[in-house]
Amino acid sequence: MADEAFERTFPDVDLGAFWQDSEYAENTYGGGRLSAEVIASVEAELGYRLPASYVTLMRTRNGGMPRNTCCPAPRATTWAEDHVALTALMGIGRESECSLAGPSGSRFLIEEWGYPPIGVYFADCPSAGHDMIAFDYRDCGPSGEPRVVHVDQEAGYRITILAPDFVSLIQALRPESEFDQS
């Protein structure tokens, strides 16, 4: 059932090749058992309706590390001239350290690290918290379809739009080998 929903939502993405097996990522970013009650509870706590496409992906594996971790960016960031990298996608839950509502989840990043309160921070980057990827609800409101942005703490929390929606972000992810790593 989750695979069928995934294929309808992400028709050009191979689910069998999407996730990288990583005990660390599952323990750190995993959201635990995903249910309608957990989704509703986390949404209520964060104050935003999560994109249906994100929920669909989390039903395949509730948080973890994708194989392709680089997304083209329209301008240079402190990470690279032409892309951003992500470490993992946060699962929907609160038990793991970096799940959406976990101890180091989205609210922590806003309240303790000073990230702008634009929505939900859902993907960590290799900089260990110095840049993040978020659902940006500023234009659509808390129940709308957010765009996906990169927020660069090292550049004064500069916001760069990466994709008009979550599906587009997932389709844009590329292997690190496609980018100049020098």
Protein backbone atom coordinates (compact mmCIF):
# COMPACT_ATOMS: atom_id res chain seq x y z
CA MET A 1 0.00 0.00 0.00
CA ALA A 2 2.75 2.48 0.95
CA ASP A 3 4.70 1.47 -2.17
CA GLU A 4 1.66 2.14 -4.41
CA ALA A 5 1.13 5.58 -2.86
CA PHE A 6 4.84 6.29 -3.29
CA GLU A 7 4.74 5.32 -6.98
CA ARG A 8 1.70 7.58 -7.58
CA THR A 9 3.32 10.52 -5.75
CA PHE A 10 6.88 10.05 -7.01
CA PRO A 11 6.48 8.31 -10.40
CA ASP A 12 10.07 8.98 -11.49
CA VAL A 13 11.76 7.84 -8.25
CA ASP A 14 12.80 4.24 -7.58
CA LEU A 15 11.81 3.47 -3.98
CA GLY A 16 14.09 0.41 -3.91
CA ALA A 17 17.07 2.67 -4.60
CA PHE A 18 15.94 5.71 -2.63
CA TRP A 19 16.93 4.92 0.97
CA GLN A 20 20.43 4.09 2.16
CA ASP A 21 20.53 1.59 4.99
CA SER A 22 22.05 3.25 8.02
CA GLU A 23 21.52 2.24 11.62
CA TYR A 24 22.85 5.65 12.71
CA ALA A 25 20.36 7.53 10.52
CA GLU A 26 17.45 5.38 11.64
CA ASN A 27 18.36 5.83 15.31
CA THR A 28 19.02 9.57 15.03
CA TYR A 29 16.41 10.71 12.50
CA GLY A 30 13.80 7.94 12.61
CA GLY A 31 10.34 8.81 13.81
CA GLY A 32 9.35 5.39 15.07
CA ARG A 33 6.05 3.74 14.27
CA LEU A 34 4.04 6.04 12.02
CA SER A 35 0.29 6.29 12.54
CA ALA A 36 -2.41 8.84 11.81
CA GLU A 37 -2.37 9.75 15.52
CA VAL A 38 1.38 10.42 15.51
CA ILE A 39 1.11 12.54 12.35
CA ALA A 40 -1.77 14.59 13.81
CA SER A 41 0.04 15.01 17.12
CA VAL A 42 3.30 16.21 15.52
CA GLU A 43 1.42 18.55 13.17
CA ALA A 44 -0.46 20.04 16.14
CA GLU A 45 2.78 20.48 18.10
CA LEU A 46 4.58 22.14 15.18
CA GLY A 47 1.54 24.17 14.07
CA TYR A 48 1.70 23.11 10.40
CA ARG A 49 0.04 20.51 8.17
CA LEU A 50 2.85 18.41 6.72
CA PRO A 51 2.84 17.99 2.93
CA ALA A 52 1.00 14.83 1.87
CA SER A 53 3.99 13.87 -0.30
CA TYR A 54 6.32 14.03 2.73
CA VAL A 55 3.93 11.83 4.73
CA THR A 56 3.80 9.38 1.80
CA LEU A 57 7.60 9.13 1.75
CA MET A 58 7.76 8.73 5.54
CA ARG A 59 5.29 5.83 5.29
CA THR A 60 7.98 3.94 3.31
CA ARG A 61 10.62 4.58 6.00
CA ASN A 62 9.98 7.09 8.74
CA GLY A 63 13.16 9.11 8.48
CA GLY A 64 16.62 8.25 7.34
CA MET A 65 19.30 8.85 4.79
CA PRO A 66 18.55 8.95 1.06
CA ARG A 67 21.18 7.59 -1.34
CA ASN A 68 21.15 10.79 -3.40
CA THR A 69 21.91 13.67 -1.08
CA CYS A 70 22.64 16.67 -3.30
CA CYS A 71 20.17 19.19 -4.67
CA PRO A 72 21.04 21.82 -7.26
CA ALA A 73 20.82 25.37 -5.89
CA PRO A 74 20.17 28.53 -7.90
CA ARG A 75 23.06 30.34 -6.19
CA ALA A 76 26.17 29.63 -4.18
CA THR A 77 25.80 28.65 -0.54
CA THR A 78 28.41 28.22 2.15
CA TRP A 79 28.36 24.53 1.21
CA ALA A 80 29.02 24.75 -2.55
CA GLU A 81 28.80 26.95 -5.62
CA ASP A 82 25.97 25.05 -7.28
CA HIS A 83 24.21 22.75 -4.81
CA VAL A 84 23.32 21.93 -1.24
CA ALA A 85 23.78 18.59 0.46
CA LEU A 86 21.60 16.93 3.02
CA THR A 87 22.49 14.32 5.57
CA ALA A 88 19.09 12.86 6.35
CA LEU A 89 15.35 13.44 6.34
CA MET A 90 13.76 13.72 9.78
CA GLY A 91 11.02 11.22 10.53
CA ILE A 92 7.61 12.19 11.84
CA GLY A 93 7.78 11.57 15.58
CA ARG A 94 9.42 12.69 18.76
CA GLU A 95 11.40 9.74 20.13
CA SER A 96 14.60 10.04 18.10
CA GLU A 97 16.96 12.94 18.75
CA CYS A 98 16.44 14.52 15.34
CA SER A 99 12.91 13.44 14.45
CA LEU A 100 10.61 16.39 13.62
CA ALA A 101 9.37 16.84 17.19
CA GLY A 102 12.39 15.25 18.87
CA PRO A 103 14.75 16.99 21.29
CA SER A 104 16.84 18.41 18.40
CA GLY A 105 13.98 18.67 15.91
CA SER A 106 12.35 21.60 14.17
CA ARG A 107 11.25 23.62 17.22
CA PHE A 108 14.69 23.25 18.83
CA LEU A 109 16.31 24.68 15.70
CA ILE A 110 14.03 27.72 15.87
CA GLU A 111 14.06 28.25 19.64
CA GLU A 112 17.67 27.36 20.46
CA TRP A 113 19.64 27.91 17.25
CA GLY A 114 17.77 31.01 16.08
CA TYR A 115 16.56 29.66 12.75
CA PRO A 116 13.76 31.83 11.33
CA PRO A 117 10.23 30.62 12.18
CA ILE A 118 9.17 30.08 8.57
CA GLY A 119 7.80 26.55 8.93
CA VAL A 120 9.18 23.08 9.59
CA TYR A 121 12.86 22.14 9.40
CA PHE A 122 12.91 18.58 8.10
CA ALA A 123 16.37 17.82 6.68
CA ASP A 124 19.78 18.12 8.27
CA CYS A 125 22.85 19.09 6.28
CA PRO A 126 26.46 17.88 6.67
CA SER A 127 27.45 21.14 8.40
CA ALA A 128 26.14 19.83 11.75
CA GLY A 129 23.35 22.35 12.08
CA HIS A 130 24.90 25.34 10.31
CA ASP A 131 22.46 24.99 7.44
CA MET A 132 19.12 23.23 7.21
CA ILE A 133 16.37 22.44 4.73
CA ALA A 134 12.82 23.51 5.60
CA PHE A 135 9.23 23.59 4.47
CA ASP A 136 8.57 27.32 3.99
CA TYR A 137 4.94 28.18 4.75
CA ARG A 138 5.27 31.97 4.54
CA ASP A 139 3.37 32.25 1.24
CA CYS A 140 0.83 29.44 1.73
CA GLY A 141 -0.10 29.55 5.42
CA PRO A 142 0.11 26.67 7.92
CA SER A 143 -2.28 24.41 5.99
CA GLY A 144 -1.00 25.10 2.47
CA GLU A 145 1.56 23.42 0.25
CA PRO A 146 4.96 24.80 1.30
CA ARG A 147 7.95 25.34 -0.92
CA VAL A 148 11.30 23.83 0.09
CA VAL A 149 14.14 26.13 1.08
CA HIS A 150 17.71 25.98 2.26
CA VAL A 151 18.47 28.17 5.28
CA ASP A 152 22.14 29.07 5.68
CA GLN A 153 23.01 30.07 9.24
CA GLU A 154 26.57 31.01 8.26
CA ALA A 155 25.20 33.58 5.78
CA GLY A 156 22.90 35.32 8.25
CA TYR A 157 20.15 32.71 7.87
CA ARG A 158 19.88 33.45 4.16
CA ILE A 159 16.98 31.60 2.55
CA THR A 160 17.37 30.03 -0.89
CA ILE A 161 14.41 28.42 -2.63
CA LEU A 162 15.28 24.88 -3.75
CA ALA A 163 11.94 23.56 -5.00
CA PRO A 164 8.30 24.63 -5.30
CA ASP A 165 7.23 21.53 -3.31
CA PHE A 166 8.55 18.38 -1.67
CA VAL A 167 7.97 16.15 -4.71
CA SER A 168 10.17 18.46 -6.80
CA LEU A 169 12.90 18.35 -4.16
CA ILE A 170 12.94 14.55 -4.10
CA GLN A 171 13.01 14.41 -7.91
CA ALA A 172 15.92 16.91 -7.94
CA LEU A 173 18.17 14.91 -5.57
CA ARG A 174 21.35 13.73 -7.26
CA PRO A 175 24.38 11.70 -6.20
CA GLU A 176 27.32 13.62 -4.79
CA SER A 177 29.45 12.36 -7.70
CA GLU A 178 27.53 14.63 -10.13
CA PHE A 179 28.95 17.74 -8.48
CA ASP A 180 32.45 19.15 -8.26
CA GLN A 181 33.59 18.34 -4.72
CA SER A 182 36.80 20.39 -4.76
